[in-house]
């Protein structure tokens, strides 16, 4: 049987990779369990430079990957440092339902 020829993948710009990483992590924040989010952050960290990125957050590469594996439990401080090293930040938004913000009981008085 003849082998099918494949074309090499088109190069992806650093900006496109960055935008994908941001969208991917935002989707994980919205829908994923905490261990899935940690694993996703680990995958993005690995793709974003691995050992060089670990140096920026002052962790060994092994320690970083163990922390960000599915069974890991990263501290918020570590996650924020990692996001900052990748040029991202964690942002909170109010939950909206049908175009209005969900307010606390105290805000309704």
C-alpha atoms as a PDB file:
ATOM      1  CA  UNK A   1       0.000   0.000   0.000  1.00  0.00           C
ATOM      2  CA  UNK A   2       1.361   3.431  -0.935  1.00  0.00           C
ATOM      3  CA  UNK A   3       2.050   5.911   1.850  1.00  0.00           C
ATOM      4  CA  UNK A   4       0.024   9.059   1.780  1.00  0.00           C
ATOM      5  CA  UNK A   5       2.178  12.173   1.526  1.00  0.00           C
ATOM      6  CA  UNK A   6       1.504  14.767   4.160  1.00  0.00           C
ATOM      7  CA  UNK A   7       2.440  18.392   4.149  1.00  0.00           C
ATOM      8  CA  UNK A   8       4.275  19.865   7.089  1.00  0.00           C
ATOM      9  CA  UNK A   9       2.074  21.967   9.321  1.00  0.00           C
ATOM     10  CA  UNK A  10       2.093  25.669   8.611  1.00  0.00           C
ATOM     11  CA  UNK A  11       4.091  27.584  11.218  1.00  0.00           C
ATOM     12  CA  UNK A  12       1.954  29.203  13.893  1.00  0.00           C
ATOM     13  CA  UNK A  13       2.900  32.690  15.027  1.00  0.00           C
ATOM     14  CA  UNK A  14       3.801  33.309  18.671  1.00  0.00           C
ATOM     15  CA  UNK A  15       0.831  35.697  18.909  1.00  0.00           C
ATOM     16  CA  UNK A  16      -1.564  32.990  17.666  1.00  0.00           C
ATOM     17  CA  UNK A  17      -0.137  30.506  20.196  1.00  0.00           C
ATOM     18  CA  UNK A  18      -0.525  33.085  22.976  1.00  0.00           C
ATOM     19  CA  UNK A  19      -4.132  33.873  22.014  1.00  0.00           C
ATOM     20  CA  UNK A  20      -4.935  30.151  21.873  1.00  0.00           C
ATOM     21  CA  UNK A  21      -3.390  29.626  25.325  1.00  0.00           C
ATOM     22  CA  UNK A  22      -5.440  32.469  26.803  1.00  0.00           C
ATOM     23  CA  UNK A  23      -8.686  31.192  25.241  1.00  0.00           C
ATOM     24  CA  UNK A  24      -7.924  27.613  26.322  1.00  0.00           C
ATOM     25  CA  UNK A  25      -7.248  28.582  29.942  1.00  0.00           C
ATOM     26  CA  UNK A  26     -10.348  30.808  30.046  1.00  0.00           C
ATOM     27  CA  UNK A  27     -12.467  27.887  28.848  1.00  0.00           C
ATOM     28  CA  UNK A  28     -10.891  25.650  31.473  1.00  0.00           C
ATOM     29  CA  UNK A  29     -11.585  28.227  34.196  1.00  0.00           C
ATOM     30  CA  UNK A  30     -15.209  28.289  33.179  1.00  0.00           C
ATOM     31  CA  UNK A  31     -15.919  24.577  32.877  1.00  0.00           C
ATOM     32  CA  UNK A  32     -13.141  22.407  34.316  1.00  0.00           C
ATOM     33  CA  UNK A  33     -12.554  20.767  37.663  1.00  0.00           C
ATOM     34  CA  UNK A  34      -9.567  22.168  39.593  1.00  0.00           C
ATOM     35  CA  UNK A  35      -7.326  19.208  38.730  1.00  0.00           C
ATOM     36  CA  UNK A  36      -8.137  19.621  35.031  1.00  0.00           C
ATOM     37  CA  UNK A  37      -7.294  23.326  35.248  1.00  0.00           C
ATOM     38  CA  UNK A  38      -3.931  22.530  36.870  1.00  0.00           C
ATOM     39  CA  UNK A  39      -3.167  20.003  34.135  1.00  0.00           C
ATOM     40  CA  UNK A  40      -4.147  22.517  31.425  1.00  0.00           C
ATOM     41  CA  UNK A  41      -1.915  25.147  33.003  1.00  0.00           C
ATOM     42  CA  UNK A  42       0.876  22.575  33.002  1.00  0.00           C
ATOM     43  CA  UNK A  43       0.367  21.813  29.314  1.00  0.00           C
ATOM     44  CA  UNK A  44       0.487  25.516  28.453  1.00  0.00           C
ATOM     45  CA  UNK A  45       3.579  26.013  30.652  1.00  0.00           C
ATOM     46  CA  UNK A  46       5.334  23.115  28.921  1.00  0.00           C
ATOM     47  CA  UNK A  47       4.469  24.527  25.497  1.00  0.00           C
ATOM     48  CA  UNK A  48       5.517  28.038  26.573  1.00  0.00           C
ATOM     49  CA  UNK A  49       9.126  27.260  27.299  1.00  0.00           C
ATOM     50  CA  UNK A  50       9.237  24.613  30.002  1.00  0.00           C
ATOM     51  CA  UNK A  51      12.540  24.880  31.889  1.00  0.00           C
ATOM     52  CA  UNK A  52      13.093  28.549  30.968  1.00  0.00           C
ATOM     53  CA  UNK A  53       9.625  29.347  32.278  1.00  0.00           C
ATOM     54  CA  UNK A  54      10.331  27.383  35.470  1.00  0.00           C
ATOM     55  CA  UNK A  55      13.396  29.574  36.068  1.00  0.00           C
ATOM     56  CA  UNK A  56      11.225  32.699  35.817  1.00  0.00           C
ATOM     57  CA  UNK A  57       8.956  31.426  38.591  1.00  0.00           C
ATOM     58  CA  UNK A  58      11.960  30.193  40.589  1.00  0.00           C
ATOM     59  CA  UNK A  59      11.038  26.502  40.561  1.00  0.00           C
ATOM     60  CA  UNK A  60      12.853  23.526  39.145  1.00  0.00           C
ATOM     61  CA  UNK A  61      11.255  22.173  35.970  1.00  0.00           C
ATOM     62  CA  UNK A  62      10.464  18.888  37.765  1.00  0.00           C
ATOM     63  CA  UNK A  63       8.832  20.700  40.669  1.00  0.00           C
ATOM     64  CA  UNK A  64       6.786  22.868  38.312  1.00  0.00           C
ATOM     65  CA  UNK A  65       5.510  19.906  36.313  1.00  0.00           C
ATOM     66  CA  UNK A  66       4.716  17.856  39.443  1.00  0.00           C
ATOM     67  CA  UNK A  67       2.757  20.815  40.813  1.00  0.00           C
ATOM     68  CA  UNK A  68       0.823  21.245  37.579  1.00  0.00           C
ATOM     69  CA  UNK A  69       0.035  17.611  36.838  1.00  0.00           C
ATOM     70  CA  UNK A  70      -3.512  16.300  37.202  1.00  0.00           C
ATOM     71  CA  UNK A  71      -2.783  15.114  40.766  1.00  0.00           C
ATOM     72  CA  UNK A  72      -0.933  18.302  41.706  1.00  0.00           C
ATOM     73  CA  UNK A  73      -2.401  21.056  43.821  1.00  0.00           C
ATOM     74  CA  UNK A  74      -0.755  24.371  42.938  1.00  0.00           C
ATOM     75  CA  UNK A  75      -1.008  27.238  45.365  1.00  0.00           C
ATOM     76  CA  UNK A  76      -2.642  30.377  44.050  1.00  0.00           C
ATOM     77  CA  UNK A  77       0.701  32.160  44.509  1.00  0.00           C
ATOM     78  CA  UNK A  78       2.448  29.638  42.211  1.00  0.00           C
ATOM     79  CA  UNK A  79      -0.312  29.837  39.614  1.00  0.00           C
ATOM     80  CA  UNK A  80      -0.249  33.630  39.571  1.00  0.00           C
ATOM     81  CA  UNK A  81       3.557  33.677  39.255  1.00  0.00           C
ATOM     82  CA  UNK A  82       3.376  31.186  36.388  1.00  0.00           C
ATOM     83  CA  UNK A  83       0.668  33.158  34.576  1.00  0.00           C
ATOM     84  CA  UNK A  84       2.660  36.369  35.017  1.00  0.00           C
ATOM     85  CA  UNK A  85       5.765  34.689  33.558  1.00  0.00           C
ATOM     86  CA  UNK A  86       3.667  33.722  30.513  1.00  0.00           C
ATOM     87  CA  UNK A  87       2.380  37.299  30.142  1.00  0.00           C
ATOM     88  CA  UNK A  88      -1.106  36.550  31.519  1.00  0.00           C
ATOM     89  CA  UNK A  89      -3.066  37.401  34.647  1.00  0.00           C
ATOM     90  CA  UNK A  90      -6.038  36.007  36.471  1.00  0.00           C
ATOM     91  CA  UNK A  91      -9.135  38.218  36.239  1.00  0.00           C
ATOM     92  CA  UNK A  92     -12.462  37.764  37.992  1.00  0.00           C
ATOM     93  CA  UNK A  93     -15.759  38.703  36.407  1.00  0.00           C
ATOM     94  CA  UNK A  94     -19.243  38.797  37.878  1.00  0.00           C
ATOM     95  CA  UNK A  95     -21.489  35.953  36.818  1.00  0.00           C
ATOM     96  CA  UNK A  96     -24.343  37.189  34.662  1.00  0.00           C
ATOM     97  CA  UNK A  97     -27.686  35.608  33.981  1.00  0.00           C
ATOM     98  CA  UNK A  98     -29.927  36.884  31.217  1.00  0.00           C
ATOM     99  CA  UNK A  99     -27.926  40.089  30.857  1.00  0.00           C
ATOM    100  CA  UNK A 100     -27.951  41.116  34.535  1.00  0.00           C
ATOM    101  CA  UNK A 101     -25.342  40.580  37.211  1.00  0.00           C
ATOM    102  CA  UNK A 102     -26.123  38.155  39.978  1.00  0.00           C
ATOM    103  CA  UNK A 103     -25.934  40.207  43.148  1.00  0.00           C
ATOM    104  CA  UNK A 104     -25.559  39.109  46.749  1.00  0.00           C
ATOM    105  CA  UNK A 105     -28.411  39.280  49.224  1.00  0.00           C
ATOM    106  CA  UNK A 106     -26.711  42.258  50.895  1.00  0.00           C
ATOM    107  CA  UNK A 107     -26.840  44.226  47.663  1.00  0.00           C
ATOM    108  CA  UNK A 108     -30.636  43.816  47.426  1.00  0.00           C
ATOM    109  CA  UNK A 109     -31.443  45.552  50.687  1.00  0.00           C
END
